[in-house]
Amino acid sequence: MRTQYITELPENWLPVASVFAALGDGTRQKILLLFEPGEELSIKDIADCFDLSRTSIVHHLAVLEKAGILGVRRSGKMALYSVRYEPVLEALSALRLYIEEDLSGDASGTEEGSR
């Protein structure tokens, strides 16, 4: 048992945790699925698709932006959001590496049991 991680995640795992935490909410998943490839959407564009307050939408966008999943570009007073795939792909790669390198094998530690 790896009890050293009970109180605090390792520094290199924080971005991974941030991405998965952001993606753990159904509304944020729906927001991401709104985007066409290369598309930029304003808060109004996104809010018009939901029966939620603008404040709630802004909160969800902030979580996605903080996790690096959404990029924001300012155009005057308007904020335009776009999907950034790299942080999600990096988190998936880190998880895959953890599974393949740290969790490979069965409970007895033999490779044969994992096949």
PDB file of N, CA and C in Angstrom:
ATOM      1  N   MET A   1       0.840  -1.175   0.000  1.00  0.00           N
ATOM      2  CA  MET A   1       0.000   0.000   0.000  1.00  0.00           C
ATOM      3  C   MET A   1       0.894   1.251   0.000  1.00  0.00           C
ATOM      4  N   ARG A   2       0.556   2.208  -0.837  1.00  0.00           N
ATOM      5  CA  ARG A   2       1.346   3.440  -0.955  1.00  0.00           C
ATOM      6  C   ARG A   2       0.713   4.543  -0.101  1.00  0.00           C
ATOM      7  N   THR A   3       0.980   4.518   1.160  1.00  0.00           N
ATOM      8  CA  THR A   3       0.340   5.463   2.079  1.00  0.00           C
ATOM      9  C   THR A   3       0.917   6.879   1.989  1.00  0.00           C
ATOM     10  N   GLN A   4       2.024   7.061   1.290  1.00  0.00           N
ATOM     11  CA  GLN A   4       2.623   8.396   1.198  1.00  0.00           C
ATOM     12  C   GLN A   4       1.746   9.387   0.439  1.00  0.00           C
ATOM     13  N   TYR A   5       0.756   8.911  -0.302  1.00  0.00           N
ATOM     14  CA  TYR A   5      -0.095   9.801  -1.094  1.00  0.00           C
ATOM     15  C   TYR A   5      -1.431  10.107  -0.424  1.00  0.00           C
ATOM     16  N   ILE A   6      -1.627   9.628   0.789  1.00  0.00           N
ATOM     17  CA  ILE A   6      -2.899   9.851   1.476  1.00  0.00           C
ATOM     18  C   ILE A   6      -3.110  11.323   1.796  1.00  0.00           C
ATOM     19  N   THR A   7      -2.085  12.005   2.214  1.00  0.00           N
ATOM     20  CA  THR A   7      -2.243  13.405   2.632  1.00  0.00           C
ATOM     21  C   THR A   7      -2.050  14.396   1.495  1.00  0.00           C
ATOM     22  N   GLU A   8      -1.265  14.031   0.485  1.00  0.00           N
ATOM     23  CA  GLU A   8      -0.988  14.985  -0.589  1.00  0.00           C
ATOM     24  C   GLU A   8      -0.577  14.246  -1.865  1.00  0.00           C
ATOM     25  N   LEU A   9      -1.110  14.742  -2.979  1.00  0.00           N
ATOM     26  CA  LEU A   9      -0.722  14.168  -4.270  1.00  0.00           C
ATOM     27  C   LEU A   9       0.687  14.621  -4.633  1.00  0.00           C
ATOM     28  N   PRO A  10       1.422  13.790  -5.373  1.00  0.00           N
ATOM     29  CA  PRO A  10       2.736  14.228  -5.840  1.00  0.00           C
ATOM     30  C   PRO A  10       2.588  15.410  -6.799  1.00  0.00           C
ATOM     31  N   GLU A  11       3.543  16.294  -6.784  1.00  0.00           N
ATOM     32  CA  GLU A  11       3.513  17.524  -7.597  1.00  0.00           C
ATOM     33  C   GLU A  11       3.246  17.227  -9.079  1.00  0.00           C
ATOM     34  N   ASN A  12       3.881  16.196  -9.619  1.00  0.00           N
ATOM     35  CA  ASN A  12       3.715  15.891 -11.047  1.00  0.00           C
ATOM     36  C   ASN A  12       2.330  15.322 -11.374  1.00  0.00           C
ATOM     37  N   TRP A  13       1.558  14.940 -10.366  1.00  0.00           N
ATOM     38  CA  TRP A  13       0.229  14.382 -10.591  1.00  0.00           C
ATOM     39  C   TRP A  13      -0.863  15.454 -10.535  1.00  0.00           C
ATOM     40  N   LEU A  14      -0.545  16.648 -10.034  1.00  0.00           N
ATOM     41  CA  LEU A  14      -1.543  17.707  -9.876  1.00  0.00           C
ATOM     42  C   LEU A  14      -2.230  18.105 -11.183  1.00  0.00           C
ATOM     43  N   PRO A  15      -1.489  18.297 -12.299  1.00  0.00           N
ATOM     44  CA  PRO A  15      -2.181  18.617 -13.554  1.00  0.00           C
ATOM     45  C   PRO A  15      -3.107  17.489 -14.026  1.00  0.00           C
ATOM     46  N   VAL A  16      -2.714  16.269 -13.807  1.00  0.00           N
ATOM     47  CA  VAL A  16      -3.537  15.113 -14.175  1.00  0.00           C
ATOM     48  C   VAL A  16      -4.827  15.131 -13.359  1.00  0.00           C
ATOM     49  N   ALA A  17      -4.693  15.333 -12.060  1.00  0.00           N
ATOM     50  CA  ALA A  17      -5.857  15.381 -11.178  1.00  0.00           C
ATOM     51  C   ALA A  17      -6.779  16.530 -11.560  1.00  0.00           C
ATOM     52  N   SER A  18      -6.206  17.657 -11.917  1.00  0.00           N
ATOM     53  CA  SER A  18      -6.997  18.829 -12.304  1.00  0.00           C
ATOM     54  C   SER A  18      -7.831  18.551 -13.551  1.00  0.00           C
ATOM     55  N   VAL A  19      -7.232  17.907 -14.538  1.00  0.00           N
ATOM     56  CA  VAL A  19      -7.952  17.576 -15.776  1.00  0.00           C
ATOM     57  C   VAL A  19      -9.090  16.600 -15.483  1.00  0.00           C
ATOM     58  N   PHE A  20      -8.804  15.538 -14.736  1.00  0.00           N
ATOM     59  CA  PHE A  20      -9.848  14.551 -14.468  1.00  0.00           C
ATOM     60  C   PHE A  20     -10.943  15.122 -13.568  1.00  0.00           C
ATOM     61  N   ALA A  21     -10.581  15.973 -12.622  1.00  0.00           N
ATOM     62  CA  ALA A  21     -11.599  16.611 -11.776  1.00  0.00           C
ATOM     63  C   ALA A  21     -12.505  17.501 -12.625  1.00  0.00           C
ATOM     64  N   ALA A  22     -11.909  18.259 -13.541  1.00  0.00           N
ATOM     65  CA  ALA A  22     -12.705  19.134 -14.418  1.00  0.00           C
ATOM     66  C   ALA A  22     -13.626  18.322 -15.313  1.00  0.00           C
ATOM     67  N   LEU A  23     -13.147  17.192 -15.791  1.00  0.00           N
ATOM     68  CA  LEU A  23     -13.950  16.349 -16.679  1.00  0.00           C
ATOM     69  C   LEU A  23     -14.952  15.474 -15.932  1.00  0.00           C
ATOM     70  N   GLY A  24     -14.893  15.496 -14.602  1.00  0.00           N
ATOM     71  CA  GLY A  24     -15.779  14.671 -13.801  1.00  0.00           C
ATOM     72  C   GLY A  24     -17.191  15.215 -13.650  1.00  0.00           C
ATOM     73  N   ASP A  25     -17.447  16.368 -14.206  1.00  0.00           N
ATOM     74  CA  ASP A  25     -18.767  16.993 -14.093  1.00  0.00           C
ATOM     75  C   ASP A  25     -19.493  16.916 -15.430  1.00  0.00           C
ATOM     76  N   GLY A  26     -20.736  16.458 -15.403  1.00  0.00           N
ATOM     77  CA  GLY A  26     -21.510  16.288 -16.632  1.00  0.00           C
ATOM     78  C   GLY A  26     -21.748  17.581 -17.393  1.00  0.00           C
ATOM     79  N   THR A  27     -21.979  18.681 -16.684  1.00  0.00           N
ATOM     80  CA  THR A  27     -22.188  19.963 -17.377  1.00  0.00           C
ATOM     81  C   THR A  27     -20.929  20.386 -18.108  1.00  0.00           C
ATOM     82  N   ARG A  28     -19.776  20.205 -17.485  1.00  0.00           N
ATOM     83  CA  ARG A  28     -18.524  20.581 -18.154  1.00  0.00           C
ATOM     84  C   ARG A  28     -18.266  19.685 -19.365  1.00  0.00           C
ATOM     85  N   GLN A  29     -18.649  18.413 -19.272  1.00  0.00           N
ATOM     86  CA  GLN A  29     -18.518  17.527 -20.432  1.00  0.00           C
ATOM     87  C   GLN A  29     -19.413  18.022 -21.564  1.00  0.00           C
ATOM     88  N   LYS A  30     -20.633  18.411 -21.236  1.00  0.00           N
ATOM     89  CA  LYS A  30     -21.556  18.930 -22.254  1.00  0.00           C
ATOM     90  C   LYS A  30     -21.023  20.209 -22.882  1.00  0.00           C
ATOM     91  N   ILE A  31     -20.414  21.071 -22.065  1.00  0.00           N
ATOM     92  CA  ILE A  31     -19.826  22.305 -22.595  1.00  0.00           C
ATOM     93  C   ILE A  31     -18.754  21.957 -23.620  1.00  0.00           C
ATOM     94  N   LEU A  32     -17.880  21.023 -23.297  1.00  0.00           N
ATOM     95  CA  LEU A  32     -16.813  20.636 -24.232  1.00  0.00           C
ATOM     96  C   LEU A  32     -17.374  20.063 -25.526  1.00  0.00           C
ATOM     97  N   LEU A  33     -18.456  19.311 -25.411  1.00  0.00           N
ATOM     98  CA  LEU A  33     -19.038  18.687 -26.594  1.00  0.00           C
ATOM     99  C   LEU A  33     -19.742  19.687 -27.511  1.00  0.00           C
ATOM    100  N   LEU A  34     -19.947  20.907 -27.041  1.00  0.00           N
ATOM    101  CA  LEU A  34     -20.543  21.947 -27.886  1.00  0.00           C
ATOM    102  C   LEU A  34     -19.613  22.391 -29.006  1.00  0.00           C
ATOM    103  N   PHE A  35     -18.320  22.331 -28.760  1.00  0.00           N
ATOM    104  CA  PHE A  35     -17.330  22.909 -29.668  1.00  0.00           C
ATOM    105  C   PHE A  35     -17.138  22.069 -30.930  1.00  0.00           C
ATOM    106  N   GLU A  36     -17.170  22.739 -32.063  1.00  0.00           N
ATOM    107  CA  GLU A  36     -16.731  22.153 -33.333  1.00  0.00           C
ATOM    108  C   GLU A  36     -15.208  22.267 -33.371  1.00  0.00           C
ATOM    109  N   PRO A  37     -14.510  21.459 -34.162  1.00  0.00           N
ATOM    110  CA  PRO A  37     -13.051  21.579 -34.259  1.00  0.00           C
ATOM    111  C   PRO A  37     -12.644  23.004 -34.639  1.00  0.00           C
ATOM    112  N   GLY A  38     -11.745  23.578 -33.846  1.00  0.00           N
ATOM    113  CA  GLY A  38     -11.207  24.908 -34.120  1.00  0.00           C
ATOM    114  C   GLY A  38     -12.152  26.058 -33.784  1.00  0.00           C
ATOM    115  N   GLU A  39     -13.313  25.760 -33.246  1.00  0.00           N
ATOM    116  CA  GLU A  39     -14.313  26.793 -32.987  1.00  0.00           C
ATOM    117  C   GLU A  39     -14.039  27.549 -31.687  1.00  0.00           C
ATOM    118  N   GLU A  40     -14.384  28.835 -31.697  1.00  0.00           N
ATOM    119  CA  GLU A  40     -14.353  29.663 -30.501  1.00  0.00           C
ATOM    120  C   GLU A  40     -15.789  30.028 -30.138  1.00  0.00           C
ATOM    121  N   LEU A  41     -16.121  29.915 -28.855  1.00  0.00           N
ATOM    122  CA  LEU A  41     -17.460  30.245 -28.392  1.00  0.00           C
ATOM    123  C   LEU A  41     -17.381  31.267 -27.268  1.00  0.00           C
ATOM    124  N   SER A  42     -18.325  32.189 -27.257  1.00  0.00           N
ATOM    125  CA  SER A  42     -18.403  33.178 -26.192  1.00  0.00           C
ATOM    126  C   SER A  42     -19.201  32.605 -25.018  1.00  0.00           C
ATOM    127  N   ILE A  43     -19.143  33.294 -23.891  1.00  0.00           N
ATOM    128  CA  ILE A  43     -19.941  32.883 -22.734  1.00  0.00           C
ATOM    129  C   ILE A  43     -21.414  32.868 -23.116  1.00  0.00           C
ATOM    130  N   LYS A  44     -21.853  33.863 -23.860  1.00  0.00           N
ATOM    131  CA  LYS A  44     -23.255  33.940 -24.282  1.00  0.00           C
ATOM    132  C   LYS A  44     -23.621  32.752 -25.158  1.00  0.00           C
ATOM    133  N   ASP A  45     -22.754  32.413 -26.123  1.00  0.00           N
ATOM    134  CA  ASP A  45     -23.007  31.248 -26.989  1.00  0.00           C
ATOM    135  C   ASP A  45     -23.250  29.993 -26.145  1.00  0.00           C
ATOM    136  N   ILE A  46     -22.418  29.813 -25.141  1.00  0.00           N
ATOM    137  CA  ILE A  46     -22.486  28.621 -24.300  1.00  0.00           C
ATOM    138  C   ILE A  46     -23.694  28.694 -23.372  1.00  0.00           C
ATOM    139  N   ALA A  47     -23.873  29.834 -22.723  1.00  0.00           N
ATOM    140  CA  ALA A  47     -24.975  29.993 -21.762  1.00  0.00           C
ATOM    141  C   ALA A  47     -26.335  29.812 -22.428  1.00  0.00           C
ATOM    142  N   ASP A  48     -26.461  30.236 -23.679  1.00  0.00           N
ATOM    143  CA  ASP A  48     -27.734  30.101 -24.401  1.00  0.00           C
ATOM    144  C   ASP A  48     -28.148  28.640 -24.606  1.00  0.00           C
ATOM    145  N   CYS A  49     -27.207  27.720 -24.475  1.00  0.00           N
ATOM    146  CA  CYS A  49     -27.491  26.299 -24.688  1.00  0.00           C
ATOM    147  C   CYS A  49     -27.939  25.589 -23.409  1.00  0.00           C
ATOM    148  N   PHE A  50     -27.855  26.263 -22.281  1.00  0.00           N
ATOM    149  CA  PHE A  50     -28.136  25.626 -21.000  1.00  0.00           C
ATOM    150  C   PHE A  50     -29.214  26.379 -20.233  1.00  0.00           C
ATOM    151  N   ASP A  51     -29.892  25.656 -19.393  1.00  0.00           N
ATOM    152  CA  ASP A  51     -30.867  26.251 -18.493  1.00  0.00           C
ATOM    153  C   ASP A  51     -30.196  26.489 -17.141  1.00  0.00           C
ATOM    154  N   LEU A  52     -29.069  27.193 -17.181  1.00  0.00           N
ATOM    155  CA  LEU A  52     -28.286  27.519 -15.991  1.00  0.00           C
ATOM    156  C   LEU A  52     -28.027  29.017 -15.971  1.00  0.00           C
ATOM    157  N   SER A  53     -27.717  29.544 -14.801  1.00  0.00           N
ATOM    158  CA  SER A  53     -27.397  30.966 -14.708  1.00  0.00           C
ATOM    159  C   SER A  53     -26.057  31.242 -15.390  1.00  0.00           C
ATOM    160  N   ARG A  54     -25.889  32.463 -15.791  1.00  0.00           N
ATOM    161  CA  ARG A  54     -24.612  32.872 -16.390  1.00  0.00           C
ATOM    162  C   ARG A  54     -23.477  32.652 -15.389  1.00  0.00           C
ATOM    163  N   THR A  55     -23.749  32.921 -14.121  1.00  0.00           N
ATOM    164  CA  THR A  55     -22.738  32.724 -13.076  1.00  0.00           C
ATOM    165  C   THR A  55     -22.292  31.264 -13.016  1.00  0.00           C
ATOM    166  N   SER A  56     -23.233  30.349 -13.128  1.00  0.00           N
ATOM    167  CA  SER A  56     -22.913  28.926 -13.109  1.00  0.00           C
ATOM    168  C   SER A  56     -22.060  28.544 -14.319  1.00  0.00           C
ATOM    169  N   ILE A  57     -22.432  29.052 -15.479  1.00  0.00           N
ATOM    170  CA  ILE A  57     -21.659  28.772 -16.698  1.00  0.00           C
ATOM    171  C   ILE A  57     -20.239  29.320 -16.564  1.00  0.00           C
ATOM    172  N   VAL A  58     -20.118  30.541 -16.067  1.00  0.00           N
ATOM    173  CA  VAL A  58     -18.795  31.151 -15.877  1.00  0.00           C
ATOM    174  C   VAL A  58     -17.952  30.305 -14.925  1.00  0.00           C
ATOM    175  N   HIS A  59     -18.572  29.775 -13.869  1.00  0.00           N
ATOM    176  CA  HIS A  59     -17.856  28.900 -12.938  1.00  0.00           C
ATOM    177  C   HIS A  59     -17.325  27.660 -13.664  1.00  0.00           C
ATOM    178  N   HIS A  60     -18.178  27.009 -14.452  1.00  0.00           N
ATOM    179  CA  HIS A  60     -17.757  25.808 -15.180  1.00  0.00           C
ATOM    180  C   HIS A  60     -16.637  26.132 -16.174  1.00  0.00           C
ATOM    181  N   LEU A  61     -16.747  27.257 -16.850  1.00  0.00           N
ATOM    182  CA  LEU A  61     -15.701  27.664 -17.788  1.00  0.00           C
ATOM    183  C   LEU A  61     -14.384  27.929 -17.060  1.00  0.00           C
ATOM    184  N   ALA A  62     -14.469  28.535 -15.876  1.00  0.00           N
ATOM    185  CA  ALA A  62     -13.260  28.814 -15.094  1.00  0.00           C
ATOM    186  C   ALA A  62     -12.565  27.525 -14.672  1.00  0.00           C
ATOM    187  N   VAL A  63     -13.345  26.519 -14.282  1.00  0.00           N
ATOM    188  CA  VAL A  63     -12.754  25.225 -13.897  1.00  0.00           C
ATOM    189  C   VAL A  63     -12.046  24.597 -15.094  1.00  0.00           C
ATOM    190  N   LEU A  64     -12.696  24.623 -16.252  1.00  0.00           N
ATOM    191  CA  LEU A  64     -12.085  24.057 -17.465  1.00  0.00           C
ATOM    192  C   LEU A  64     -10.851  24.847 -17.884  1.00  0.00           C
ATOM    193  N   GLU A  65     -10.912  26.157 -17.732  1.00  0.00           N
ATOM    194  CA  GLU A  65      -9.756  26.996 -18.083  1.00  0.00           C
ATOM    195  C   GLU A  65      -8.597  26.747 -17.116  1.00  0.00           C
ATOM    196  N   LYS A  66      -8.883  26.676 -15.825  1.00  0.00           N
ATOM    197  CA  LYS A  66      -7.832  26.433 -14.833  1.00  0.00           C
ATOM    198  C   LYS A  66      -7.143  25.093 -15.063  1.00  0.00           C
ATOM    199  N   ALA A  67      -7.907  24.104 -15.506  1.00  0.00           N
ATOM    200  CA  ALA A  67      -7.333  22.780 -15.804  1.00  0.00           C
ATOM    201  C   ALA A  67      -6.563  22.780 -17.119  1.00  0.00           C
ATOM    202  N   GLY A  68      -6.662  23.867 -17.878  1.00  0.00           N
ATOM    203  CA  GLY A  68      -5.952  23.970 -19.150  1.00  0.00           C
ATOM    204  C   GLY A  68      -6.725  23.400 -20.328  1.00  0.00           C
ATOM    205  N   ILE A  69      -7.955  22.947 -20.082  1.00  0.00           N
ATOM    206  CA  ILE A  69      -8.742  22.300 -21.129  1.00  0.00           C
ATOM    207  C   ILE A  69      -9.344  23.327 -22.088  1.00  0.00           C
ATOM    208  N   LEU A  70      -9.645  24.499 -21.567  1.00  0.00           N
ATOM    209  CA  LEU A  70     -10.126  25.589 -22.413  1.00  0.00           C
ATOM    210  C   LEU A  70      -9.104  26.711 -22.429  1.00  0.00           C
ATOM    211  N   GLY A  71      -8.893  27.252 -23.600  1.00  0.00           N
ATOM    212  CA  GLY A  71      -8.102  28.466 -23.738  1.00  0.00           C
ATOM    213  C   GLY A  71      -9.061  29.622 -23.917  1.00  0.00           C
ATOM    214  N   VAL A  72      -8.638  30.804 -23.539  1.00  0.00           N
ATOM    215  CA  VAL A  72      -9.498  31.979 -23.687  1.00  0.00           C
ATOM    216  C   VAL A  72      -8.721  33.072 -24.406  1.00  0.00           C
ATOM    217  N   ARG A  73      -9.419  33.721 -25.323  1.00  0.00           N
ATOM    218  CA  ARG A  73      -8.847  34.845 -26.068  1.00  0.00           C
ATOM    219  C   ARG A  73      -9.796  36.013 -25.884  1.00  0.00           C
ATOM    220  N   ARG A  74      -9.231  37.138 -25.510  1.00  0.00           N
ATOM    221  CA  ARG A  74     -10.045  38.346 -25.315  1.00  0.00           C
ATOM    222  C   ARG A  74     -10.140  39.102 -26.630  1.00  0.00           C
ATOM    223  N   SER A  75     -11.359  39.505 -26.951  1.00  0.00           N
ATOM    224  CA  SER A  75     -11.625  40.341 -28.120  1.00  0.00           C
ATOM    225  C   SER A  75     -12.493  41.495 -27.638  1.00  0.00           C
ATOM    226  N   GLY A  76     -11.837  42.598 -27.291  1.00  0.00           N
ATOM    227  CA  GLY A  76     -12.556  43.692 -26.663  1.00  0.00           C
ATOM    228  C   GLY A  76     -13.017  43.240 -25.294  1.00  0.00           C
ATOM    229  N   LYS A  77     -14.317  43.372 -25.031  1.00  0.00           N
ATOM    230  CA  LYS A  77     -14.876  42.926 -23.747  1.00  0.00           C
ATOM    231  C   LYS A  77     -15.300  41.465 -23.780  1.00  0.00           C
ATOM    232  N   MET A  78     -15.251  40.849 -24.947  1.00  0.00           N
ATOM    233  CA  MET A  78     -15.718  39.478 -25.105  1.00  0.00           C
ATOM    234  C   MET A  78     -14.579  38.476 -24.869  1.00  0.00           C
ATOM    235  N   ALA A  79     -14.926  37.407 -24.161  1.00  0.00           N
ATOM    236  CA  ALA A  79     -14.000  36.294 -23.967  1.00  0.00           C
ATOM    237  C   ALA A  79     -14.444  35.171 -24.896  1.00  0.00           C
ATOM    238  N   LEU A  80     -13.514  34.704 -25.717  1.00  0.00           N
ATOM    239  CA  LEU A  80     -13.793  33.607 -26.645  1.00  0.00           C
ATOM    240  C   LEU A  80     -13.012  32.374 -26.202  1.00  0.00           C
ATOM    241  N   TYR A  81     -13.736  31.289 -26.007  1.00  0.00           N
ATOM    242  CA  TYR A  81     -13.148  30.051 -25.510  1.00  0.00           C
ATOM    243  C   TYR A  81     -12.939  29.052 -26.641  1.00  0.00           C
ATOM    244  N   SER A  82     -11.876  28.284 -26.519  1.00  0.00           N
ATOM    245  CA  SER A  82     -11.600  27.205 -27.468  1.00  0.00           C
ATOM    246  C   SER A  82     -11.022  26.026 -26.690  1.00  0.00           C
ATOM    247  N   VAL A  83     -11.211  24.842 -27.232  1.00  0.00           N
ATOM    248  CA  VAL A  83     -10.741  23.620 -26.579  1.00  0.00           C
ATOM    249  C   VAL A  83      -9.248  23.452 -26.831  1.00  0.00           C
ATOM    250  N   ARG A  84      -8.539  23.108 -25.781  1.00  0.00           N
ATOM    251  CA  ARG A  84      -7.114  22.776 -25.850  1.00  0.00           C
ATOM    252  C   ARG A  84      -6.998  21.282 -25.559  1.00  0.00           C
ATOM    253  N   TYR A  85      -6.609  20.518 -26.557  1.00  0.00           N
ATOM    254  CA  TYR A  85      -6.571  19.062 -26.432  1.00  0.00           C
ATOM    255  C   TYR A  85      -5.335  18.548 -25.704  1.00  0.00           C
ATOM    256  N   GLU A  86      -4.239  19.306 -25.755  1.00  0.00           N
ATOM    257  CA  GLU A  86      -2.965  18.826 -25.224  1.00  0.00           C
ATOM    258  C   GLU A  86      -3.027  18.435 -23.746  1.00  0.00           C
ATOM    259  N   PRO A  87      -3.604  19.270 -22.868  1.00  0.00           N
ATOM    260  CA  PRO A  87      -3.641  18.869 -21.448  1.00  0.00           C
ATOM    261  C   PRO A  87      -4.422  17.580 -21.211  1.00  0.00           C
ATOM    262  N   VAL A  88      -5.467  17.360 -21.970  1.00  0.00           N
ATOM    263  CA  VAL A  88      -6.257  16.132 -21.818  1.00  0.00           C
ATOM    264  C   VAL A  88      -5.436  14.934 -22.302  1.00  0.00           C
ATOM    265  N   LEU A  89      -4.789  15.085 -23.440  1.00  0.00           N
ATOM    266  CA  LEU A  89      -3.958  13.993 -23.959  1.00  0.00           C
ATOM    267  C   LEU A  89      -2.792  13.699 -23.028  1.00  0.00           C
ATOM    268  N   GLU A  90      -2.191  14.734 -22.438  1.00  0.00           N
ATOM    269  CA  GLU A  90      -1.094  14.538 -21.487  1.00  0.00           C
ATOM    270  C   GLU A  90      -1.579  13.808 -20.238  1.00  0.00           C
ATOM    271  N   ALA A  91      -2.769  14.162 -19.740  1.00  0.00           N
ATOM    272  CA  ALA A  91      -3.320  13.487 -18.561  1.00  0.00           C
ATOM    273  C   ALA A  91      -3.609  12.022 -18.870  1.00  0.00           C
ATOM    274  N   LEU A  92      -4.166  11.760 -20.047  1.00  0.00           N
ATOM    275  CA  LEU A  92      -4.434  10.377 -20.442  1.00  0.00           C
ATOM    276  C   LEU A  92      -3.141   9.589 -20.581  1.00  0.00           C
ATOM    277  N   SER A  93      -2.104  10.212 -21.140  1.00  0.00           N
ATOM    278  CA  SER A  93      -0.801   9.547 -21.277  1.00  0.00           C
ATOM    279  C   SER A  93      -0.198   9.241 -19.912  1.00  0.00           C
ATOM    280  N   ALA A  94      -0.314  10.192 -18.979  1.00  0.00           N
ATOM    281  CA  ALA A  94       0.218   9.977 -17.628  1.00  0.00           C
ATOM    282  C   ALA A  94      -0.518   8.840 -16.936  1.00  0.00           C
ATOM    283  N   LEU A  95      -1.827   8.796 -17.097  1.00  0.00           N
ATOM    284  CA  LEU A  95      -2.610   7.713 -16.502  1.00  0.00           C
ATOM    285  C   LEU A  95      -2.246   6.372 -17.129  1.00  0.00           C
ATOM    286  N   ARG A  96      -2.112   6.363 -18.440  1.00  0.00           N
ATOM    287  CA  ARG A  96      -1.738   5.122 -19.137  1.00  0.00           C
ATOM    288  C   ARG A  96      -0.356   4.642 -18.685  1.00  0.00           C
ATOM    289  N   LEU A  97       0.597   5.567 -18.565  1.00  0.00           N
ATOM    290  CA  LEU A  97       1.943   5.221 -18.116  1.00  0.00           C
ATOM    291  C   LEU A  97       1.902   4.654 -16.695  1.00  0.00           C
ATOM    292  N   TYR A  98       1.109   5.277 -15.841  1.00  0.00           N
ATOM    293  CA  TYR A  98       0.956   4.779 -14.471  1.00  0.00           C
ATOM    294  C   TYR A  98       0.405   3.352 -14.471  1.00  0.00           C
ATOM    295  N   ILE A  99      -0.605   3.123 -15.284  1.00  0.00           N
ATOM    296  CA  ILE A  99      -1.207   1.787 -15.348  1.00  0.00           C
ATOM    297  C   ILE A  99      -0.216   0.774 -15.905  1.00  0.00           C
ATOM    298  N   GLU A 100       0.453   1.128 -16.993  1.00  0.00           N
ATOM    299  CA  GLU A 100       1.369   0.190 -17.646  1.00  0.00           C
ATOM    300  C   GLU A 100       2.626  -0.070 -16.826  1.00  0.00           C
ATOM    301  N   GLU A 101       3.172   0.961 -16.177  1.00  0.00           N
ATOM    302  CA  GLU A 101       4.444   0.795 -15.476  1.00  0.00           C
ATOM    303  C   GLU A 101       4.285   0.474 -13.991  1.00  0.00           C
ATOM    304  N   ASP A 102       3.331   1.129 -13.329  1.00  0.00           N
ATOM    305  CA  ASP A 102       3.209   0.957 -11.886  1.00  0.00           C
ATOM    306  C   ASP A 102       2.216  -0.116 -11.479  1.00  0.00           C
ATOM    307  N   LEU A 103       1.190  -0.332 -12.291  1.00  0.00           N
ATOM    308  CA  LEU A 103       0.155  -1.287 -11.910  1.00  0.00           C
ATOM    309  C   LEU A 103       0.167  -2.557 -12.735  1.00  0.00           C
ATOM    310  N   SER A 104       1.157  -2.719 -13.594  1.00  0.00           N
ATOM    311  CA  SER A 104       1.197  -3.930 -14.410  1.00  0.00           C
ATOM    312  C   SER A 104       1.487  -5.140 -13.540  1.00  0.00           C
ATOM    313  N   GLY A 105       0.965  -6.256 -13.944  1.00  0.00           N
ATOM    314  CA  GLY A 105       1.139  -7.486 -13.182  1.00  0.00           C
ATOM    315  C   GLY A 105      -0.042  -7.735 -12.273  1.00  0.00           C
ATOM    316  N   ASP A 106      -0.128  -8.932 -11.755  1.00  0.00           N
ATOM    317  CA  ASP A 106      -1.235  -9.281 -10.857  1.00  0.00           C
ATOM    318  C   ASP A 106      -0.808  -9.094  -9.404  1.00  0.00           C
ATOM    319  N   ALA A 107      -1.637  -9.502  -8.506  1.00  0.00           N
ATOM    320  CA  ALA A 107      -1.378  -9.334  -7.076  1.00  0.00           C
ATOM    321  C   ALA A 107      -0.116 -10.045  -6.614  1.00  0.00           C
ATOM    322  N   SER A 108       0.261 -11.130  -7.293  1.00  0.00           N
ATOM    323  CA  SER A 108       1.469 -11.856  -6.892  1.00  0.00           C
ATOM    324  C   SER A 108       2.724 -11.245  -7.493  1.00  0.00           C
ATOM    325  N   GLY A 109       2.535 -10.247  -8.388  1.00  0.00           N
ATOM    326  CA  GLY A 109       3.677  -9.574  -8.961  1.00  0.00           C
ATOM    327  C   GLY A 109       4.248 -10.237 -10.187  1.00  0.00           C
ATOM    328  N   THR A 110       3.598 -11.292 -10.683  1.00  0.00           N
ATOM    329  CA  THR A 110       4.123 -11.966 -11.859  1.00  0.00           C
ATOM    330  C   THR A 110       3.497 -11.382 -13.116  1.00  0.00           C
ATOM    331  N   GLU A 111       4.272 -11.321 -14.171  1.00  0.00           N
ATOM    332  CA  GLU A 111       3.785 -10.827 -15.459  1.00  0.00           C
ATOM    333  C   GLU A 111       2.750 -11.774 -16.042  1.00  0.00           C
ATOM    334  N   GLU A 112       2.946 -13.066 -15.792  1.00  0.00           N
ATOM    335  CA  GLU A 112       2.079 -14.050 -16.407  1.00  0.00           C
ATOM    336  C   GLU A 112       0.619 -13.861 -16.010  1.00  0.00           C
ATOM    337  N   GLY A 113       0.366 -13.437 -14.774  1.00  0.00           N
ATOM    338  CA  GLY A 113      -0.997 -13.249 -14.295  1.00  0.00           C
ATOM    339  C   GLY A 113      -1.705 -12.095 -14.956  1.00  0.00           C
ATOM    340  N   SER A 114      -0.975 -11.177 -15.608  1.00  0.00           N
ATOM    341  CA  SER A 114      -1.613 -10.011 -16.239  1.00  0.00           C
ATOM    342  C   SER A 114      -1.995 -10.263 -17.683  1.00  0.00           C
ATOM    343  N   ARG A 115      -1.692 -11.432 -18.186  1.00  0.00           N
ATOM    344  CA  ARG A 115      -1.989 -11.731 -19.587  1.00  0.00           C
ATOM    345  C   ARG A 115      -3.330 -12.370 -19.759  1.00  0.00           C
TER     346      ARG A 115
END
